[in-house]
Amino acid sequence: MRFIYPFLYKNIAYLLGDKLYFVILTSTGTLERLGRIR
């Protein structure tokens, strides 16, 4: 069990980090589009 928990934790952290990175990219993309429209 000791070996499983760190593995799950790393996977969850990686998935959350990937989602945050995607959200940041999309938010910056939308901001650029709004700036171009204005």
PDB file of N, CA and C in Angstrom:
ATOM      1  N   MET A   1       0.836  -1.211   0.000  1.00  0.00           N
ATOM      2  CA  MET A   1       0.000   0.000   0.000  1.00  0.00           C
ATOM      3  C   MET A   1       0.868   1.259   0.000  1.00  0.00           C
ATOM      4  N   ARG A   2       1.998   1.200   0.649  1.00  0.00           N
ATOM      5  CA  ARG A   2       2.863   2.392   0.696  1.00  0.00           C
ATOM      6  C   ARG A   2       3.320   2.798  -0.703  1.00  0.00           C
ATOM      7  N   PHE A   3       3.496   1.825  -1.578  1.00  0.00           N
ATOM      8  CA  PHE A   3       3.972   2.134  -2.933  1.00  0.00           C
ATOM      9  C   PHE A   3       2.842   2.655  -3.821  1.00  0.00           C
ATOM     10  N   ILE A   4       1.614   2.264  -3.503  1.00  0.00           N
ATOM     11  CA  ILE A   4       0.483   2.645  -4.352  1.00  0.00           C
ATOM     12  C   ILE A   4       0.087   4.110  -4.139  1.00  0.00           C
ATOM     13  N   TYR A   5       0.047   4.556  -2.883  1.00  0.00           N
ATOM     14  CA  TYR A   5      -0.423   5.921  -2.608  1.00  0.00           C
ATOM     15  C   TYR A   5       0.405   7.011  -3.291  1.00  0.00           C
ATOM     16  N   PRO A   6       1.745   6.981  -3.213  1.00  0.00           N
ATOM     17  CA  PRO A   6       2.528   8.018  -3.906  1.00  0.00           C
ATOM     18  C   PRO A   6       2.272   8.006  -5.414  1.00  0.00           C
ATOM     19  N   PHE A   7       2.070   6.806  -5.972  1.00  0.00           N
ATOM     20  CA  PHE A   7       1.824   6.696  -7.420  1.00  0.00           C
ATOM     21  C   PHE A   7       0.511   7.375  -7.775  1.00  0.00           C
ATOM     22  N   LEU A   8      -0.542   7.106  -6.989  1.00  0.00           N
ATOM     23  CA  LEU A   8      -1.849   7.728  -7.234  1.00  0.00           C
ATOM     24  C   LEU A   8      -1.743   9.237  -7.050  1.00  0.00           C
ATOM     25  N   TYR A   9      -1.040   9.659  -6.010  1.00  0.00           N
ATOM     26  CA  TYR A   9      -0.887  11.092  -5.738  1.00  0.00           C
ATOM     27  C   TYR A   9      -0.214  11.804  -6.910  1.00  0.00           C
ATOM     28  N   LYS A  10       0.854  11.175  -7.444  1.00  0.00           N
ATOM     29  CA  LYS A  10       1.562  11.775  -8.581  1.00  0.00           C
ATOM     30  C   LYS A  10       0.652  11.852  -9.800  1.00  0.00           C
ATOM     31  N   ASN A  11      -0.126  10.789 -10.047  1.00  0.00           N
ATOM     32  CA  ASN A  11      -1.038  10.792 -11.192  1.00  0.00           C
ATOM     33  C   ASN A  11      -2.089  11.878 -11.049  1.00  0.00           C
ATOM     34  N   ILE A  12      -2.654  12.021  -9.844  1.00  0.00           N
ATOM     35  CA  ILE A  12      -3.684  13.046  -9.609  1.00  0.00           C
ATOM     36  C   ILE A  12      -3.073  14.437  -9.787  1.00  0.00           C
ATOM     37  N   ALA A  13      -1.892  14.641  -9.227  1.00  0.00           N
ATOM     38  CA  ALA A  13      -1.228  15.943  -9.346  1.00  0.00           C
ATOM     39  C   ALA A  13      -0.932  16.241 -10.817  1.00  0.00           C
ATOM     40  N   TYR A  14      -0.500  15.231 -11.570  1.00  0.00           N
ATOM     41  CA  TYR A  14      -0.203  15.421 -12.989  1.00  0.00           C
ATOM     42  C   TYR A  14      -1.463  15.792 -13.753  1.00  0.00           C
ATOM     43  N   LEU A  15      -2.568  15.082 -13.476  1.00  0.00           N
ATOM     44  CA  LEU A  15      -3.828  15.367 -14.166  1.00  0.00           C
ATOM     45  C   LEU A  15      -4.316  16.769 -13.824  1.00  0.00           C
ATOM     46  N   LEU A  16      -4.248  17.138 -12.552  1.00  0.00           N
ATOM     47  CA  LEU A  16      -4.692  18.480 -12.139  1.00  0.00           C
ATOM     48  C   LEU A  16      -3.811  19.542 -12.787  1.00  0.00           C
ATOM     49  N   GLY A  17      -2.505  19.304 -12.809  1.00  0.00           N
ATOM     50  CA  GLY A  17      -1.591  20.263 -13.428  1.00  0.00           C
ATOM     51  C   GLY A  17      -1.890  20.403 -14.916  1.00  0.00           C
ATOM     52  N   ASP A  18      -2.172  19.275 -15.586  1.00  0.00           N
ATOM     53  CA  ASP A  18      -2.484  19.308 -17.004  1.00  0.00           C
ATOM     54  C   ASP A  18      -3.762  20.101 -17.246  1.00  0.00           C
ATOM     55  N   LYS A  19      -4.773  19.898 -16.394  1.00  0.00           N
ATOM     56  CA  LYS A  19      -6.039  20.630 -16.538  1.00  0.00           C
ATOM     57  C   LYS A  19      -5.813  22.114 -16.306  1.00  0.00           C
ATOM     58  N   LEU A  20      -5.018  22.460 -15.282  1.00  0.00           N
ATOM     59  CA  LEU A  20      -4.745  23.872 -14.992  1.00  0.00           C
ATOM     60  C   LEU A  20      -4.027  24.510 -16.175  1.00  0.00           C
ATOM     61  N   TYR A  21      -3.052  23.795 -16.757  1.00  0.00           N
ATOM     62  CA  TYR A  21      -2.312  24.303 -17.911  1.00  0.00           C
ATOM     63  C   TYR A  21      -3.253  24.547 -19.076  1.00  0.00           C
ATOM     64  N   PHE A  22      -4.187  23.605 -19.302  1.00  0.00           N
ATOM     65  CA  PHE A  22      -5.163  23.743 -20.389  1.00  0.00           C
ATOM     66  C   PHE A  22      -6.068  24.941 -20.140  1.00  0.00           C
ATOM     67  N   VAL A  23      -6.514  25.096 -18.897  1.00  0.00           N
ATOM     68  CA  VAL A  23      -7.393  26.233 -18.550  1.00  0.00           C
ATOM     69  C   VAL A  23      -6.649  27.547 -18.768  1.00  0.00           C
ATOM     70  N   ILE A  24      -5.381  27.588 -18.372  1.00  0.00           N
ATOM     71  CA  ILE A  24      -4.588  28.816 -18.549  1.00  0.00           C
ATOM     72  C   ILE A  24      -4.442  29.129 -20.031  1.00  0.00           C
ATOM     73  N   LEU A  25      -4.171  28.103 -20.843  1.00  0.00           N
ATOM     74  CA  LEU A  25      -4.022  28.312 -22.281  1.00  0.00           C
ATOM     75  C   LEU A  25      -5.322  28.825 -22.879  1.00  0.00           C
ATOM     76  N   THR A  26      -6.444  28.206 -22.514  1.00  0.00           N
ATOM     77  CA  THR A  26      -7.733  28.621 -23.069  1.00  0.00           C
ATOM     78  C   THR A  26      -8.083  30.029 -22.606  1.00  0.00           C
ATOM     79  N   SER A  27      -7.819  30.341 -21.333  1.00  0.00           N
ATOM     80  CA  SER A  27      -8.160  31.668 -20.815  1.00  0.00           C
ATOM     81  C   SER A  27      -7.316  32.733 -21.514  1.00  0.00           C
ATOM     82  N   THR A  28      -6.036  32.469 -21.719  1.00  0.00           N
ATOM     83  CA  THR A  28      -5.180  33.434 -22.406  1.00  0.00           C
ATOM     84  C   THR A  28      -5.621  33.574 -23.859  1.00  0.00           C
ATOM     85  N   GLY A  29      -6.020  32.467 -24.480  1.00  0.00           N
ATOM     86  CA  GLY A  29      -6.489  32.503 -25.865  1.00  0.00           C
ATOM     87  C   GLY A  29      -7.740  33.359 -25.989  1.00  0.00           C
ATOM     88  N   THR A  30      -8.671  33.202 -25.064  1.00  0.00           N
ATOM     89  CA  THR A  30      -9.906  33.983 -25.109  1.00  0.00           C
ATOM     90  C   THR A  30      -9.597  35.459 -24.856  1.00  0.00           C
ATOM     91  N   LEU A  31      -8.676  35.737 -23.944  1.00  0.00           N
ATOM     92  CA  LEU A  31      -8.310  37.130 -23.666  1.00  0.00           C
ATOM     93  C   LEU A  31      -7.705  37.766 -24.914  1.00  0.00           C
ATOM     94  N   GLU A  32      -6.855  37.020 -25.628  1.00  0.00           N
ATOM     95  CA  GLU A  32      -6.255  37.553 -26.852  1.00  0.00           C
ATOM     96  C   GLU A  32      -7.329  37.827 -27.892  1.00  0.00           C
ATOM     97  N   ARG A  33      -8.318  36.921 -27.988  1.00  0.00           N
ATOM     98  CA  ARG A  33      -9.397  37.108 -28.959  1.00  0.00           C
ATOM     99  C   ARG A  33     -10.211  38.341 -28.616  1.00  0.00           C
ATOM    100  N   LEU A  34     -10.511  38.518 -27.320  1.00  0.00           N
ATOM    101  CA  LEU A  34     -11.279  39.702 -26.894  1.00  0.00           C
ATOM    102  C   LEU A  34     -10.488  40.974 -27.214  1.00  0.00           C
ATOM    103  N   GLY A  35      -9.186  40.934 -26.958  1.00  0.00           N
ATOM    104  CA  GLY A  35      -8.344  42.103 -27.242  1.00  0.00           C
ATOM    105  C   GLY A  35      -8.332  42.417 -28.735  1.00  0.00           C
ATOM    106  N   ARG A  36      -8.310  41.376 -29.574  1.00  0.00           N
ATOM    107  CA  ARG A  36      -8.287  41.597 -31.025  1.00  0.00           C
ATOM    108  C   ARG A  36      -9.623  42.150 -31.501  1.00  0.00           C
ATOM    109  N   ILE A  37     -10.711  41.643 -30.898  1.00  0.00           N
ATOM    110  CA  ILE A  37     -12.040  42.116 -31.312  1.00  0.00           C
ATOM    111  C   ILE A  37     -12.186  43.599 -30.946  1.00  0.00           C
ATOM    112  N   ARG A  38     -11.744  43.961 -29.756  1.00  0.00           N
ATOM    113  CA  ARG A  38     -11.844  45.355 -29.328  1.00  0.00           C
ATOM    114  C   ARG A  38     -10.873  46.207 -30.129  1.00  0.00           C
TER     115      ARG A  38
END
